Amino acid sequence: MHHHGYLWTGPKRRFDEEALRRPPHPEPPSVGSRPELIQRYREVVAEFRVVDLPPIETANWLLKPRTLVRGTWDDPEEAAAWLGERLREYAPRFTVEAERDVSRLARLVESAVERLAWGGDVSLGFYLEHPSYVSLAVVTCSYERAEPACPLR
């Protein structure tokens, strides 16, 4: 088992483009569907796997290009340490003051270690100044997880 770290930051309005944050439906729109529906489906098919936007489902980061992986760790504590470093880096820009609390951030990291140790994923997101958003994720790859496939395989 190992863990991959992902980070995305950008305008909140870009983060809100939910269609590009979901994998395409397995069945395309039926013949005779509205042209805009067909066009949107084609856009999602073409872009979901390559766009850097955080997926709605954390595990779907593994479907994204390998170049988006910010780090890979065998040890859950090392993966959580990376997460903690990113939290400390971005915390001064969090729009909600209570989210900047050092003890709260430490609890998030402790919780991440526990979750990663049993094979879970961690996904955190925070609003930043100038309506921006930061998304942090650590995804666990294990041989028990059939889908999505690990980018290292």
C-alpha atoms as a PDB file:
ATOM      1  CA  MET A   1       0.000   0.000   0.000  1.00  0.00           C
ATOM      2  CA  HIS A   2       1.214   3.520  -0.776  1.00  0.00           C
ATOM      3  CA  HIS A   3      -0.221   7.034  -0.987  1.00  0.00           C
ATOM      4  CA  HIS A   4      -0.289   9.797  -3.620  1.00  0.00           C
ATOM      5  CA  GLY A   5      -0.650  13.490  -2.806  1.00  0.00           C
ATOM      6  CA  TYR A   6      -2.587  15.970  -4.939  1.00  0.00           C
ATOM      7  CA  LEU A   7      -2.970  19.728  -4.676  1.00  0.00           C
ATOM      8  CA  TRP A   8      -5.107  22.121  -6.684  1.00  0.00           C
ATOM      9  CA  THR A   9      -5.600  25.814  -6.155  1.00  0.00           C
ATOM     10  CA  GLY A  10      -7.473  28.224  -8.331  1.00  0.00           C
ATOM     11  CA  PRO A  11     -10.500  30.450  -8.751  1.00  0.00           C
ATOM     12  CA  LYS A  12     -13.597  29.264  -6.909  1.00  0.00           C
ATOM     13  CA  ARG A  13     -15.697  29.659 -10.076  1.00  0.00           C
ATOM     14  CA  ARG A  14     -13.379  27.168 -11.859  1.00  0.00           C
ATOM     15  CA  PHE A  15     -13.686  24.720  -8.957  1.00  0.00           C
ATOM     16  CA  ASP A  16     -17.470  24.989  -9.318  1.00  0.00           C
ATOM     17  CA  GLU A  17     -17.366  23.486 -12.843  1.00  0.00           C
ATOM     18  CA  GLU A  18     -18.769  20.244 -11.482  1.00  0.00           C
ATOM     19  CA  ALA A  19     -19.369  18.553 -14.837  1.00  0.00           C
ATOM     20  CA  LEU A  20     -15.613  18.465 -15.402  1.00  0.00           C
ATOM     21  CA  ARG A  21     -15.082  17.084 -11.892  1.00  0.00           C
ATOM     22  CA  ARG A  22     -17.182  13.964 -12.549  1.00  0.00           C
ATOM     23  CA  PRO A  23     -16.260  11.090 -14.872  1.00  0.00           C
ATOM     24  CA  PRO A  24     -18.487  10.835 -17.919  1.00  0.00           C
ATOM     25  CA  HIS A  25     -21.582   8.711 -17.616  1.00  0.00           C
ATOM     26  CA  PRO A  26     -20.908   5.224 -19.038  1.00  0.00           C
ATOM     27  CA  GLU A  27     -23.686   5.635 -21.601  1.00  0.00           C
ATOM     28  CA  PRO A  28     -23.701   8.617 -23.969  1.00  0.00           C
ATOM     29  CA  PRO A  29     -26.862  10.670 -24.469  1.00  0.00           C
ATOM     30  CA  SER A  30     -29.406   8.942 -26.658  1.00  0.00           C
ATOM     31  CA  VAL A  31     -29.895   9.802 -30.310  1.00  0.00           C
ATOM     32  CA  GLY A  32     -32.172  12.783 -30.532  1.00  0.00           C
ATOM     33  CA  SER A  33     -30.930  14.356 -27.277  1.00  0.00           C
ATOM     34  CA  ARG A  34     -30.549  18.113 -27.153  1.00  0.00           C
ATOM     35  CA  PRO A  35     -27.397  19.226 -29.038  1.00  0.00           C
ATOM     36  CA  GLU A  36     -26.058  21.070 -25.972  1.00  0.00           C
ATOM     37  CA  LEU A  37     -26.353  17.857 -23.906  1.00  0.00           C
ATOM     38  CA  ILE A  38     -24.425  15.892 -26.529  1.00  0.00           C
ATOM     39  CA  GLN A  39     -21.788  18.621 -26.747  1.00  0.00           C
ATOM     40  CA  ARG A  40     -21.379  18.743 -22.946  1.00  0.00           C
ATOM     41  CA  TYR A  41     -21.021  14.948 -22.816  1.00  0.00           C
ATOM     42  CA  ARG A  42     -18.292  15.093 -25.491  1.00  0.00           C
ATOM     43  CA  GLU A  43     -16.512  17.829 -23.547  1.00  0.00           C
ATOM     44  CA  VAL A  44     -16.539  15.773 -20.337  1.00  0.00           C
ATOM     45  CA  VAL A  45     -15.314  12.647 -22.174  1.00  0.00           C
ATOM     46  CA  ALA A  46     -12.448  14.629 -23.685  1.00  0.00           C
ATOM     47  CA  GLU A  47     -11.478  16.614 -20.598  1.00  0.00           C
ATOM     48  CA  PHE A  48     -12.250  14.744 -17.354  1.00  0.00           C
ATOM     49  CA  ARG A  49      -9.093  12.622 -17.378  1.00  0.00           C
ATOM     50  CA  VAL A  50      -6.779  15.472 -18.360  1.00  0.00           C
ATOM     51  CA  VAL A  51      -8.191  18.529 -16.594  1.00  0.00           C
ATOM     52  CA  ASP A  52      -6.419  19.363 -13.326  1.00  0.00           C
ATOM     53  CA  LEU A  53      -9.646  20.062 -11.407  1.00  0.00           C
ATOM     54  CA  PRO A  54     -10.159  17.964  -8.263  1.00  0.00           C
ATOM     55  CA  PRO A  55     -12.642  15.172  -8.909  1.00  0.00           C
ATOM     56  CA  ILE A  56     -15.823  15.011  -6.824  1.00  0.00           C
ATOM     57  CA  GLU A  57     -14.855  11.493  -5.697  1.00  0.00           C
ATOM     58  CA  THR A  58     -11.374  11.559  -4.141  1.00  0.00           C
ATOM     59  CA  ALA A  59     -10.309   8.170  -5.542  1.00  0.00           C
ATOM     60  CA  ASN A  60     -10.830   9.491  -9.072  1.00  0.00           C
ATOM     61  CA  TRP A  61      -7.614  11.503  -8.736  1.00  0.00           C
ATOM     62  CA  LEU A  62      -6.054   8.179  -9.754  1.00  0.00           C
ATOM     63  CA  LEU A  63      -7.664   8.559 -13.203  1.00  0.00           C
ATOM     64  CA  LYS A  64      -5.851  11.843 -13.767  1.00  0.00           C
ATOM     65  CA  PRO A  65      -2.422  12.259 -15.407  1.00  0.00           C
ATOM     66  CA  ARG A  66       0.528  11.062 -13.392  1.00  0.00           C
ATOM     67  CA  THR A  67       2.017  14.550 -13.676  1.00  0.00           C
ATOM     68  CA  LEU A  68      -0.567  15.795 -11.156  1.00  0.00           C
ATOM     69  CA  VAL A  69       0.862  13.575  -8.395  1.00  0.00           C
ATOM     70  CA  ARG A  70       2.744  15.876  -5.975  1.00  0.00           C
ATOM     71  CA  GLY A  71       4.328  13.075  -3.985  1.00  0.00           C
ATOM     72  CA  THR A  72       4.191   9.346  -3.298  1.00  0.00           C
ATOM     73  CA  TRP A  73       4.823   7.744   0.089  1.00  0.00           C
ATOM     74  CA  ASP A  74       4.774   4.227   1.502  1.00  0.00           C
ATOM     75  CA  ASP A  75       4.390   5.524   5.055  1.00  0.00           C
ATOM     76  CA  PRO A  76       1.032   7.121   6.017  1.00  0.00           C
ATOM     77  CA  GLU A  77       2.846   9.415   8.464  1.00  0.00           C
ATOM     78  CA  GLU A  78       5.019  10.818   5.666  1.00  0.00           C
ATOM     79  CA  ALA A  79       1.960  11.385   3.468  1.00  0.00           C
ATOM     80  CA  ALA A  80       0.179  13.130   6.348  1.00  0.00           C
ATOM     81  CA  ALA A  81       3.305  15.219   7.013  1.00  0.00           C
ATOM     82  CA  TRP A  82       3.134  16.469   3.418  1.00  0.00           C
ATOM     83  CA  LEU A  83      -0.518  17.318   4.007  1.00  0.00           C
ATOM     84  CA  GLY A  84       0.421  19.192   7.204  1.00  0.00           C
ATOM     85  CA  GLU A  85       3.099  21.180   5.363  1.00  0.00           C
ATOM     86  CA  ARG A  86       0.572  22.250   2.738  1.00  0.00           C
ATOM     87  CA  LEU A  87      -1.949  23.194   5.441  1.00  0.00           C
ATOM     88  CA  ARG A  88       0.657  25.397   7.171  1.00  0.00           C
ATOM     89  CA  GLU A  89       1.595  26.914   3.810  1.00  0.00           C
ATOM     90  CA  TYR A  90      -1.982  27.866   2.875  1.00  0.00           C
ATOM     91  CA  ALA A  91      -3.489  28.522   6.330  1.00  0.00           C
ATOM     92  CA  PRO A  92      -2.571  32.239   6.396  1.00  0.00           C
ATOM     93  CA  ARG A  93      -4.783  32.671   3.305  1.00  0.00           C
ATOM     94  CA  PHE A  94      -7.839  30.755   4.643  1.00  0.00           C
ATOM     95  CA  THR A  95     -10.827  33.093   4.637  1.00  0.00           C
ATOM     96  CA  VAL A  96     -12.290  31.559   7.808  1.00  0.00           C
ATOM     97  CA  GLU A  97     -10.108  32.508  10.768  1.00  0.00           C
ATOM     98  CA  ALA A  98     -11.124  29.471  12.856  1.00  0.00           C
ATOM     99  CA  GLU A  99      -9.753  27.160  10.134  1.00  0.00           C
ATOM    100  CA  ARG A 100      -6.288  28.685  10.691  1.00  0.00           C
ATOM    101  CA  ASP A 101      -6.118  27.410  14.274  1.00  0.00           C
ATOM    102  CA  VAL A 102      -2.854  25.483  14.703  1.00  0.00           C
ATOM    103  CA  SER A 103      -4.339  22.838  17.002  1.00  0.00           C
ATOM    104  CA  ARG A 104      -7.211  22.254  14.554  1.00  0.00           C
ATOM    105  CA  LEU A 105      -4.732  21.773  11.704  1.00  0.00           C
ATOM    106  CA  ALA A 106      -2.718  19.342  13.834  1.00  0.00           C
ATOM    107  CA  ARG A 107      -5.887  17.311  14.506  1.00  0.00           C
ATOM    108  CA  LEU A 108      -6.558  17.146  10.754  1.00  0.00           C
ATOM    109  CA  VAL A 109      -3.070  15.714  10.206  1.00  0.00           C
ATOM    110  CA  GLU A 110      -3.491  13.185  13.055  1.00  0.00           C
ATOM    111  CA  SER A 111      -6.810  12.106  11.592  1.00  0.00           C
ATOM    112  CA  ALA A 112      -5.191  11.763   8.164  1.00  0.00           C
ATOM    113  CA  VAL A 113      -2.540   9.396   9.556  1.00  0.00           C
ATOM    114  CA  GLU A 114      -5.244   7.154  11.021  1.00  0.00           C
ATOM    115  CA  ARG A 115      -7.348   7.143   7.858  1.00  0.00           C
ATOM    116  CA  LEU A 116      -4.389   6.496   5.545  1.00  0.00           C
ATOM    117  CA  ALA A 117      -3.077   3.703   7.795  1.00  0.00           C
ATOM    118  CA  TRP A 118      -6.221   1.633   7.257  1.00  0.00           C
ATOM    119  CA  GLY A 119      -6.333   2.360   3.523  1.00  0.00           C
ATOM    120  CA  GLY A 120      -8.690   5.326   3.392  1.00  0.00           C
ATOM    121  CA  ASP A 121      -8.312   8.536   1.401  1.00  0.00           C
ATOM    122  CA  VAL A 122      -8.129  12.101   2.706  1.00  0.00           C
ATOM    123  CA  SER A 123      -9.612  15.117   0.988  1.00  0.00           C
ATOM    124  CA  LEU A 124      -9.606  18.660   2.383  1.00  0.00           C
ATOM    125  CA  GLY A 125     -10.648  21.957   0.862  1.00  0.00           C
ATOM    126  CA  PHE A 126     -10.564  25.567   1.998  1.00  0.00           C
ATOM    127  CA  TYR A 127     -11.709  28.906   0.661  1.00  0.00           C
ATOM    128  CA  LEU A 128      -8.855  31.327   0.169  1.00  0.00           C
ATOM    129  CA  GLU A 129      -8.763  35.085  -0.350  1.00  0.00           C
ATOM    130  CA  HIS A 130      -9.834  36.609  -3.701  1.00  0.00           C
ATOM    131  CA  PRO A 131     -12.438  33.976  -4.031  1.00  0.00           C
ATOM    132  CA  SER A 132     -10.026  31.143  -4.576  1.00  0.00           C
ATOM    133  CA  TYR A 133     -10.015  27.584  -3.334  1.00  0.00           C
ATOM    134  CA  VAL A 134      -7.364  25.047  -2.338  1.00  0.00           C
ATOM    135  CA  SER A 135      -8.012  21.323  -2.554  1.00  0.00           C
ATOM    136  CA  LEU A 136      -5.644  18.846  -0.916  1.00  0.00           C
ATOM    137  CA  ALA A 137      -5.951  15.090  -1.256  1.00  0.00           C
ATOM    138  CA  VAL A 138      -3.994  12.003  -0.367  1.00  0.00           C
ATOM    139  CA  VAL A 139      -5.220   8.863  -2.116  1.00  0.00           C
ATOM    140  CA  THR A 140      -4.296   5.370  -1.002  1.00  0.00           C
ATOM    141  CA  CYS A 141      -3.330   2.779  -3.588  1.00  0.00           C
ATOM    142  CA  SER A 142      -3.648  -0.804  -2.486  1.00  0.00           C
ATOM    143  CA  TYR A 143      -3.878  -4.060  -4.324  1.00  0.00           C
ATOM    144  CA  GLU A 144      -7.386  -4.548  -2.919  1.00  0.00           C
ATOM    145  CA  ARG A 145      -8.563  -1.450  -4.797  1.00  0.00           C
ATOM    146  CA  ALA A 146      -9.561  -2.599  -8.256  1.00  0.00           C
ATOM    147  CA  GLU A 147     -10.660   0.788  -9.597  1.00  0.00           C
ATOM    148  CA  PRO A 148      -9.437   3.290 -10.316  1.00  0.00           C
ATOM    149  CA  ALA A 149      -6.051   1.837 -11.112  1.00  0.00           C
ATOM    150  CA  CYS A 150      -2.942   3.250  -9.467  1.00  0.00           C
ATOM    151  CA  PRO A 151      -0.946   5.632 -11.686  1.00  0.00           C
ATOM    152  CA  LEU A 152       2.234   3.683 -10.857  1.00  0.00           C
ATOM    153  CA  ARG A 153       0.901   0.437 -12.355  1.00  0.00           C
END
